[in-house]
């Protein structure tokens, strides 16, 4: 059986559209997820950070009271 040439392999890959749907789906998901992530990082992260920092502060104060 002869080995297929590089040109014939490239033509076969170019004609194959099986992965096009998957790629389009990934691009759509990325186009939706990226703005959401940017929003969460810019707006939500400071709130989340302050919430957990307050919780840690309360926990440290509670542990200091328990020690005394």
C-alpha atoms as a PDB file:
ATOM      1  CA  UNK A   1       0.000   0.000   0.000  1.00  0.00           C
ATOM      2  CA  UNK A   2       1.591   3.298  -1.028  1.00  0.00           C
ATOM      3  CA  UNK A   3       2.143   5.963   1.570  1.00  0.00           C
ATOM      4  CA  UNK A   4      -0.204   8.942   1.052  1.00  0.00           C
ATOM      5  CA  UNK A   5       1.516  12.151   0.144  1.00  0.00           C
ATOM      6  CA  UNK A   6       1.451  15.226   2.326  1.00  0.00           C
ATOM      7  CA  UNK A   7      -0.594  17.088  -0.259  1.00  0.00           C
ATOM      8  CA  UNK A   8      -3.292  14.408  -0.299  1.00  0.00           C
ATOM      9  CA  UNK A   9      -3.438  14.428   3.504  1.00  0.00           C
ATOM     10  CA  UNK A  10      -3.809  18.219   3.540  1.00  0.00           C
ATOM     11  CA  UNK A  11      -6.622  18.031   0.997  1.00  0.00           C
ATOM     12  CA  UNK A  12      -8.395  15.376   3.050  1.00  0.00           C
ATOM     13  CA  UNK A  13      -8.114  17.450   6.231  1.00  0.00           C
ATOM     14  CA  UNK A  14      -9.282  20.579   4.410  1.00  0.00           C
ATOM     15  CA  UNK A  15     -12.412  18.811   3.116  1.00  0.00           C
ATOM     16  CA  UNK A  16     -13.244  17.267   6.495  1.00  0.00           C
ATOM     17  CA  UNK A  17     -15.784  19.431   8.339  1.00  0.00           C
ATOM     18  CA  UNK A  18     -16.368  17.116  11.290  1.00  0.00           C
ATOM     19  CA  UNK A  19     -14.581  19.299  13.813  1.00  0.00           C
ATOM     20  CA  UNK A  20     -16.107  22.568  12.614  1.00  0.00           C
ATOM     21  CA  UNK A  21     -19.170  22.227  14.840  1.00  0.00           C
ATOM     22  CA  UNK A  22     -17.038  21.552  17.893  1.00  0.00           C
ATOM     23  CA  UNK A  23     -14.816  24.515  17.155  1.00  0.00           C
ATOM     24  CA  UNK A  24     -17.798  26.811  16.636  1.00  0.00           C
ATOM     25  CA  UNK A  25     -19.317  25.631  19.913  1.00  0.00           C
ATOM     26  CA  UNK A  26     -16.072  26.295  21.778  1.00  0.00           C
ATOM     27  CA  UNK A  27     -15.814  29.771  20.269  1.00  0.00           C
ATOM     28  CA  UNK A  28     -19.403  30.615  21.246  1.00  0.00           C
ATOM     29  CA  UNK A  29     -18.873  29.382  24.805  1.00  0.00           C
ATOM     30  CA  UNK A  30     -15.665  31.409  25.015  1.00  0.00           C
ATOM     31  CA  UNK A  31     -17.411  34.517  23.685  1.00  0.00           C
ATOM     32  CA  UNK A  32     -20.020  34.177  26.427  1.00  0.00           C
ATOM     33  CA  UNK A  33     -17.690  33.153  29.259  1.00  0.00           C
ATOM     34  CA  UNK A  34     -14.968  35.748  28.720  1.00  0.00           C
ATOM     35  CA  UNK A  35     -17.101  38.845  29.456  1.00  0.00           C
ATOM     36  CA  UNK A  36     -18.618  37.094  32.472  1.00  0.00           C
ATOM     37  CA  UNK A  37     -15.154  36.309  33.837  1.00  0.00           C
ATOM     38  CA  UNK A  38     -13.964  39.859  33.233  1.00  0.00           C
ATOM     39  CA  UNK A  39     -17.029  41.218  35.050  1.00  0.00           C
ATOM     40  CA  UNK A  40     -16.517  38.877  37.997  1.00  0.00           C
ATOM     41  CA  UNK A  41     -12.844  39.784  38.287  1.00  0.00           C
ATOM     42  CA  UNK A  42     -13.441  43.540  38.063  1.00  0.00           C
ATOM     43  CA  UNK A  43     -16.641  43.830  40.122  1.00  0.00           C
ATOM     44  CA  UNK A  44     -17.122  40.647  42.108  1.00  0.00           C
ATOM     45  CA  UNK A  45     -13.588  39.895  43.269  1.00  0.00           C
ATOM     46  CA  UNK A  46     -13.244  42.902  45.625  1.00  0.00           C
ATOM     47  CA  UNK A  47     -16.545  41.943  47.274  1.00  0.00           C
ATOM     48  CA  UNK A  48     -15.537  38.293  47.600  1.00  0.00           C
ATOM     49  CA  UNK A  49     -12.121  39.271  48.952  1.00  0.00           C
ATOM     50  CA  UNK A  50     -13.561  41.632  51.576  1.00  0.00           C
ATOM     51  CA  UNK A  51     -16.141  39.008  52.596  1.00  0.00           C
ATOM     52  CA  UNK A  52     -13.480  36.372  53.246  1.00  0.00           C
ATOM     53  CA  UNK A  53     -11.111  38.841  54.899  1.00  0.00           C
ATOM     54  CA  UNK A  54     -13.898  39.846  57.302  1.00  0.00           C
ATOM     55  CA  UNK A  55     -14.573  36.179  58.009  1.00  0.00           C
ATOM     56  CA  UNK A  56     -10.894  35.561  58.737  1.00  0.00           C
ATOM     57  CA  UNK A  57     -10.771  38.590  61.022  1.00  0.00           C
ATOM     58  CA  UNK A  58     -13.818  37.351  62.945  1.00  0.00           C
ATOM     59  CA  UNK A  59     -12.255  33.895  63.204  1.00  0.00           C
ATOM     60  CA  UNK A  60      -8.968  35.305  64.529  1.00  0.00           C
ATOM     61  CA  UNK A  61     -10.786  37.453  67.095  1.00  0.00           C
ATOM     62  CA  UNK A  62     -12.850  34.457  68.184  1.00  0.00           C
ATOM     63  CA  UNK A  63      -9.768  32.299  68.599  1.00  0.00           C
ATOM     64  CA  UNK A  64      -8.021  35.012  70.635  1.00  0.00           C
ATOM     65  CA  UNK A  65     -11.063  35.246  72.929  1.00  0.00           C
ATOM     66  CA  UNK A  66     -11.105  31.458  73.332  1.00  0.00           C
ATOM     67  CA  UNK A  67      -7.427  31.414  74.319  1.00  0.00           C
ATOM     68  CA  UNK A  68      -7.896  34.058  77.036  1.00  0.00           C
END
